[in-house]
Amino acid sequence: MQRLRGSGSSIFRYLRFKGKAQNSWAAVQDTYFSTKDIFERHRVVFTVGTSIASVATACVGYSLRHLHETRVDQRLESIEKAVWLRLARWKVVCT
């Protein structure tokens, strides 16, 4: 008697699981198609937005590169001044 009850409940569990799986798959498909529809309706907006983001990224990259070059030049100038000062002091000592 218990064997029959056990197998019957497992069939119901299977059917319940199958129903949940189908509902989940339907939800995934709905989300995919609604997202696809939004992208297709706003294609121009996304294209223009992507172009603007690309230009902004290029500007930021150029600005950061210029800032880095300026700092490197300043550092090199300070090193050069320090070397000249040491050479000048050494020249005075040696003369």
C-alpha atoms as a PDB file:
ATOM      1  CA  MET A   1       0.000   0.000   0.000  1.00  0.00           C
ATOM      2  CA  GLN A   2       2.794   2.412   0.813  1.00  0.00           C
ATOM      3  CA  ARG A   3       4.524   1.691  -2.474  1.00  0.00           C
ATOM      4  CA  LEU A   4       1.500   2.919  -4.366  1.00  0.00           C
ATOM      5  CA  ARG A   5       1.303   6.085  -2.320  1.00  0.00           C
ATOM      6  CA  GLY A   6       4.993   6.774  -2.829  1.00  0.00           C
ATOM      7  CA  SER A   7       4.892   6.369  -6.570  1.00  0.00           C
ATOM      8  CA  GLY A   8       1.701   8.420  -6.858  1.00  0.00           C
ATOM      9  CA  SER A   9       3.174  11.349  -4.996  1.00  0.00           C
ATOM     10  CA  SER A  10       6.319  11.259  -7.117  1.00  0.00           C
ATOM     11  CA  ILE A  11       4.169  11.537 -10.257  1.00  0.00           C
ATOM     12  CA  PHE A  12       2.481  14.595  -8.796  1.00  0.00           C
ATOM     13  CA  ARG A  13       5.861  16.044  -7.851  1.00  0.00           C
ATOM     14  CA  TYR A  14       7.069  15.443 -11.395  1.00  0.00           C
ATOM     15  CA  LEU A  15       3.998  17.122 -12.895  1.00  0.00           C
ATOM     16  CA  ARG A  16       4.334  20.060 -10.521  1.00  0.00           C
ATOM     17  CA  PHE A  17       8.041  20.391 -11.388  1.00  0.00           C
ATOM     18  CA  LYS A  18       7.257  20.168 -15.093  1.00  0.00           C
ATOM     19  CA  GLY A  19       4.650  22.925 -14.755  1.00  0.00           C
ATOM     20  CA  LYS A  20       7.084  25.155 -12.879  1.00  0.00           C
ATOM     21  CA  ALA A  21       9.766  24.522 -15.503  1.00  0.00           C
ATOM     22  CA  GLN A  22       7.373  25.425 -18.302  1.00  0.00           C
ATOM     23  CA  ASN A  23       6.318  28.601 -16.491  1.00  0.00           C
ATOM     24  CA  SER A  24       9.961  29.568 -15.957  1.00  0.00           C
ATOM     25  CA  TRP A  25      10.788  28.952 -19.616  1.00  0.00           C
ATOM     26  CA  ALA A  26       7.781  31.036 -20.687  1.00  0.00           C
ATOM     27  CA  ALA A  27       8.965  33.872 -18.413  1.00  0.00           C
ATOM     28  CA  VAL A  28      12.453  33.728 -19.942  1.00  0.00           C
ATOM     29  CA  GLN A  29      10.993  33.841 -23.458  1.00  0.00           C
ATOM     30  CA  ASP A  30       8.730  36.779 -22.555  1.00  0.00           C
ATOM     31  CA  THR A  31      11.673  38.694 -21.149  1.00  0.00           C
ATOM     32  CA  TYR A  32      13.798  37.960 -24.212  1.00  0.00           C
ATOM     33  CA  PHE A  33      11.146  39.032 -26.702  1.00  0.00           C
ATOM     34  CA  SER A  34      10.235  42.200 -24.796  1.00  0.00           C
ATOM     35  CA  THR A  35      13.907  43.178 -24.547  1.00  0.00           C
ATOM     36  CA  LYS A  36      14.393  42.432 -28.233  1.00  0.00           C
ATOM     37  CA  ASP A  37      11.349  44.563 -29.077  1.00  0.00           C
ATOM     38  CA  ILE A  38      12.670  47.490 -27.024  1.00  0.00           C
ATOM     39  CA  PHE A  39      16.060  47.334 -28.740  1.00  0.00           C
ATOM     40  CA  GLU A  40      14.479  47.172 -32.184  1.00  0.00           C
ATOM     41  CA  ARG A  41      12.165  50.123 -31.494  1.00  0.00           C
ATOM     42  CA  HIS A  42      14.995  52.250 -30.060  1.00  0.00           C
ATOM     43  CA  ARG A  43      17.720  51.259 -32.507  1.00  0.00           C
ATOM     44  CA  VAL A  44      18.495  54.856 -33.548  1.00  0.00           C
ATOM     45  CA  VAL A  45      18.672  56.031 -29.945  1.00  0.00           C
ATOM     46  CA  PHE A  46      21.101  53.264 -29.034  1.00  0.00           C
ATOM     47  CA  THR A  47      23.222  53.929 -32.143  1.00  0.00           C
ATOM     48  CA  VAL A  48      23.506  57.640 -31.381  1.00  0.00           C
ATOM     49  CA  GLY A  49      24.102  56.933 -27.693  1.00  0.00           C
ATOM     50  CA  THR A  50      26.865  54.483 -28.516  1.00  0.00           C
ATOM     51  CA  SER A  51      28.514  56.993 -30.838  1.00  0.00           C
ATOM     52  CA  ILE A  52      28.409  59.698 -28.179  1.00  0.00           C
ATOM     53  CA  ALA A  53      29.843  57.299 -25.592  1.00  0.00           C
ATOM     54  CA  SER A  54      32.650  56.384 -27.995  1.00  0.00           C
ATOM     55  CA  VAL A  55      33.573  60.029 -28.580  1.00  0.00           C
ATOM     56  CA  ALA A  56      33.442  60.737 -24.838  1.00  0.00           C
ATOM     57  CA  THR A  57      35.706  57.767 -24.137  1.00  0.00           C
ATOM     58  CA  ALA A  58      38.201  58.980 -26.740  1.00  0.00           C
ATOM     59  CA  CYS A  59      38.208  62.477 -25.209  1.00  0.00           C
ATOM     60  CA  VAL A  60      38.766  61.136 -21.709  1.00  0.00           C
ATOM     61  CA  GLY A  61      41.585  58.899 -22.973  1.00  0.00           C
ATOM     62  CA  TYR A  62      43.260  61.798 -24.761  1.00  0.00           C
ATOM     63  CA  SER A  63      42.945  64.027 -21.686  1.00  0.00           C
ATOM     64  CA  LEU A  64      44.421  61.362 -19.407  1.00  0.00           C
ATOM     65  CA  ARG A  65      47.298  60.766 -21.829  1.00  0.00           C
ATOM     66  CA  HIS A  66      48.018  64.506 -22.016  1.00  0.00           C
ATOM     67  CA  LEU A  67      47.921  64.794 -18.216  1.00  0.00           C
ATOM     68  CA  HIS A  68      50.319  61.857 -17.884  1.00  0.00           C
ATOM     69  CA  GLU A  69      52.739  63.345 -20.445  1.00  0.00           C
ATOM     70  CA  THR A  70      52.674  66.686 -18.599  1.00  0.00           C
ATOM     71  CA  ARG A  71      53.496  65.011 -15.285  1.00  0.00           C
ATOM     72  CA  VAL A  72      56.299  62.977 -16.863  1.00  0.00           C
ATOM     73  CA  ASP A  73      57.776  66.135 -18.422  1.00  0.00           C
ATOM     74  CA  GLN A  74      57.638  67.938 -15.064  1.00  0.00           C
ATOM     75  CA  ARG A  75      59.337  65.019 -13.356  1.00  0.00           C
ATOM     76  CA  LEU A  76      62.052  64.870 -16.010  1.00  0.00           C
ATOM     77  CA  GLU A  77      62.670  68.613 -15.679  1.00  0.00           C
ATOM     78  CA  SER A  78      63.044  68.317 -11.899  1.00  0.00           C
ATOM     79  CA  ILE A  79      65.501  65.426 -12.353  1.00  0.00           C
ATOM     80  CA  GLU A  80      67.442  67.455 -14.912  1.00  0.00           C
ATOM     81  CA  LYS A  81      67.621  70.449 -12.538  1.00  0.00           C
ATOM     82  CA  ALA A  82      68.843  68.208  -9.719  1.00  0.00           C
ATOM     83  CA  VAL A  83      71.560  66.743 -11.957  1.00  0.00           C
ATOM     84  CA  TRP A  84      72.711  70.214 -13.071  1.00  0.00           C
ATOM     85  CA  LEU A  85      72.845  71.408  -9.465  1.00  0.00           C
ATOM     86  CA  ARG A  86      74.982  68.427  -8.457  1.00  0.00           C
ATOM     87  CA  LEU A  87      77.272  68.987 -11.433  1.00  0.00           C
ATOM     88  CA  ALA A  88      77.596  72.667 -10.575  1.00  0.00           C
ATOM     89  CA  ARG A  89      78.462  71.829  -6.951  1.00  0.00           C
ATOM     90  CA  TRP A  90      80.963  69.195  -8.056  1.00  0.00           C
ATOM     91  CA  LYS A  91      82.564  71.681 -10.457  1.00  0.00           C
ATOM     92  CA  VAL A  92      82.981  74.218  -7.640  1.00  0.00           C
ATOM     93  CA  VAL A  93      84.536  71.608  -5.383  1.00  0.00           C
ATOM     94  CA  CYS A  94      86.918  70.376  -8.076  1.00  0.00           C
ATOM     95  CA  THR A  95      88.075  73.842  -9.113  1.00  0.00           C
END
